[in-house]
Every structure is written in structure tokens, then in C-alpha cells.
Amino acid sequence: MGNAEMIVLDTHAWIWWVSSPERLSDTGREAIDRAMAAESLYLSCISAWEVAMLTERGRLQLTMEARDWIAKSEALSFLKFVPVNNNIAIRSVQLLAPIHPDPADRIIIATALELGAAVATKDEKIQNYPHVKSVW
């Protein structure tokens, strides 16, 4: 079904992909599978922070410690974590309007833009943001 594109997983898409793949849309799952096969699947390191925060606050329950859960994803050869470097940090602040203020979402969007990738997300605010491609 065409060439695989680079995908940055939004945090919820990562959690669902690992723990509840049935929650992904068919289109999203297919796009993620193609990116996985092409080794062009990415995660912003801010997503690791979000997972740790959500588990710490009791808003996300995992079957193991967050550190171990994240390490299992880090061990996947086809998934690459992208650090929040200075370019991404600055770009996240300078995103064109209209964009919502959530800093983690802004960093995920900036990461996708920096890589020339699409964001796999159910978040309508990201889906409706005209300056980044999304899949779901």
C-alpha cells in the first residue's frame, strides 16, 4: 500500500501500540506496521517523561515499573527514541498558530517536523494542526 513513511508515535499511540493494540485505528496500525518494517518508527523522549509522570500520578497503570516498560521499547531495534535537542526545543516554542499549549504535544509535533515525519495520534488538536501531517 505505497511506501512507508516516517512515524513519530504520540504518547497514547505508543502506550496503546504496546499494551492495547486494539485501541489503534486500522489506518494507524497499518501506518505504524509499515514504519516498523522500514525501521522508520520514532518516539520523542518526552513520551518517556509522560509515561513516567502518568504512572507516578496514578493515571496510567502498567504491568511493571515505568522504567522497565520504557526499557522494553528501547530494546526494539526498529523503534528509535529522539532526544529533545535544542532545535526541537526551540521549534516547539516557535510553532505557527493555532497550536494548543501542551508542552509535550508541542515537542512531539516539533520532533515530527524536524524529522519530516507524520505523527500517529488520536489527538484531534494535533490532527487538525495544519503544519504537521498526522495518521490515525
Protein backbone atom coordinates (compact mmCIF):
# COMPACT_ATOMS: atom_id res chain seq x y z
CA MET A 1 0.00 0.00 0.00
CA GLY A 2 2.64 2.54 -1.00
CA ASN A 3 5.89 3.47 0.64
CA ALA A 4 6.29 3.56 4.36
CA GLU A 5 6.59 6.96 5.88
CA MET A 6 8.41 8.02 8.97
CA ILE A 7 6.11 7.99 12.01
CA VAL A 8 6.50 9.64 15.40
CA LEU A 9 4.18 7.99 17.90
CA ASP A 10 2.18 10.27 20.15
CA THR A 11 2.43 9.07 23.75
CA HIS A 12 -1.04 7.47 23.84
CA ALA A 13 -0.38 5.77 20.48
CA TRP A 14 2.80 4.25 21.94
CA ILE A 15 1.01 3.02 25.06
CA TRP A 16 -1.82 1.52 23.02
CA TRP A 17 0.53 0.01 20.43
CA VAL A 18 2.38 -1.82 23.22
CA SER A 19 -0.44 -2.59 25.65
CA SER A 20 -3.80 -2.36 23.83
CA PRO A 21 -3.26 -2.52 20.06
CA GLU A 22 -6.99 -2.96 19.51
CA ARG A 23 -7.41 0.69 20.53
CA LEU A 24 -5.43 1.82 17.49
CA SER A 25 -7.38 2.61 14.34
CA ASP A 26 -6.83 0.25 11.41
CA THR A 27 -5.21 3.06 9.44
CA GLY A 28 -2.96 3.99 12.36
CA ARG A 29 -1.94 0.38 12.99
CA GLU A 30 -1.14 -0.15 9.29
CA ALA A 31 0.94 3.04 9.15
CA ILE A 32 2.81 2.01 12.30
CA ASP A 33 3.38 -1.51 10.90
CA ARG A 34 4.80 -0.07 7.65
CA ALA A 35 7.07 2.33 9.57
CA MET A 36 8.15 -0.53 11.84
CA ALA A 37 9.04 -2.73 8.85
CA ALA A 38 11.02 0.14 7.30
CA GLU A 39 12.70 0.92 10.65
CA SER A 40 11.30 4.45 10.48
CA LEU A 41 9.30 4.45 13.72
CA TYR A 42 10.21 7.13 16.26
CA LEU A 43 9.33 8.34 19.74
CA SER A 44 10.19 11.62 21.36
CA CYS A 45 11.98 11.19 24.68
CA ILE A 46 9.28 13.49 26.10
CA SER A 47 6.94 10.48 25.77
CA ALA A 48 9.09 8.55 28.25
CA TRP A 49 8.70 11.52 30.61
CA GLU A 50 4.93 11.49 30.05
CA VAL A 51 4.65 7.76 30.77
CA ALA A 52 6.70 8.14 33.94
CA MET A 53 4.56 11.13 35.04
CA LEU A 54 1.27 9.37 34.31
CA THR A 55 2.30 6.26 36.25
CA GLU A 56 3.65 8.33 39.14
CA ARG A 57 0.34 10.23 39.35
CA GLY A 58 -1.71 7.02 39.14
CA ARG A 59 -3.29 7.98 35.79
CA LEU A 60 -1.64 5.06 33.97
CA GLN A 61 -1.17 1.54 35.27
CA LEU A 62 1.43 -0.69 33.67
CA THR A 63 2.20 -4.33 34.35
CA MET A 64 5.71 -3.36 35.50
CA GLU A 65 7.72 -0.35 36.65
CA ALA A 66 7.67 2.53 34.13
CA ARG A 67 11.48 2.35 33.80
CA ASP A 68 11.30 -1.34 32.81
CA TRP A 69 8.32 -0.78 30.49
CA ILE A 70 10.19 2.01 28.68
CA ALA A 71 13.38 -0.12 28.54
CA LYS A 72 11.43 -2.83 26.66
CA SER A 73 10.60 -0.28 23.96
CA GLU A 74 14.18 1.00 23.95
CA ALA A 75 15.33 -2.56 23.19
CA LEU A 76 13.28 -2.72 19.97
CA SER A 77 15.67 -2.31 17.04
CA PHE A 78 13.03 -0.74 14.76
CA LEU A 79 12.00 1.97 17.25
CA LYS A 80 14.22 4.98 17.82
CA PHE A 81 13.93 7.46 20.68
CA VAL A 82 14.66 11.05 19.65
CA PRO A 83 16.17 13.27 22.35
CA VAL A 84 14.77 16.74 22.85
CA ASN A 85 17.70 18.65 21.37
CA ASN A 86 18.00 22.42 21.15
CA ASN A 87 16.48 22.61 17.66
CA ILE A 88 13.41 20.64 18.75
CA ALA A 89 13.09 22.64 21.97
CA ILE A 90 13.21 25.96 20.11
CA ARG A 91 10.96 24.74 17.29
CA SER A 92 8.35 23.61 19.86
CA VAL A 93 8.14 27.19 21.14
CA GLN A 94 8.00 28.72 17.66
CA LEU A 95 5.24 26.53 16.17
CA LEU A 96 2.89 28.51 13.99
CA ALA A 97 -0.55 29.28 15.39
CA PRO A 98 -3.05 27.84 16.02
CA ILE A 99 -1.50 25.31 18.37
CA HIS A 100 -2.54 24.29 21.85
CA PRO A 101 -0.22 24.98 24.78
CA ASP A 102 0.57 21.42 25.96
CA PRO A 103 4.40 21.36 26.04
CA ALA A 104 4.72 17.60 25.45
CA ASP A 105 2.46 17.73 22.39
CA ARG A 106 4.39 20.71 21.08
CA ILE A 107 7.66 18.77 21.47
CA ILE A 108 6.17 15.73 19.73
CA ILE A 109 5.00 17.94 16.84
CA ALA A 110 8.38 19.69 16.66
CA THR A 111 10.12 16.29 16.63
CA ALA A 112 7.96 15.15 13.71
CA LEU A 113 8.64 18.38 11.83
CA GLU A 114 12.37 18.11 12.50
CA LEU A 115 12.38 14.53 11.12
CA GLY A 116 9.96 15.19 8.26
CA ALA A 117 7.67 12.59 9.80
CA ALA A 118 3.95 12.21 10.46
CA VAL A 119 2.51 11.90 13.97
CA ALA A 120 0.43 8.81 14.78
CA THR A 121 -2.20 10.30 17.08
CA LYS A 122 -5.86 10.22 18.01
CA ASP A 123 -5.50 13.76 19.42
CA GLU A 124 -7.78 15.94 17.30
CA LYS A 125 -5.81 19.07 18.20
CA ILE A 126 -2.74 17.54 16.55
CA GLN A 127 -4.78 16.04 13.70
CA ASN A 128 -6.27 19.47 12.97
CA TYR A 129 -2.92 21.29 13.19
CA PRO A 130 -2.28 22.21 9.54
CA HIS A 131 1.51 22.34 9.77
CA VAL A 132 2.21 18.68 10.57
CA LYS A 133 0.98 15.50 8.90
CA SER A 134 -0.86 13.03 11.11
CA VAL A 135 -2.14 9.50 10.67
CA TRP A 136 -4.91 7.74 12.55
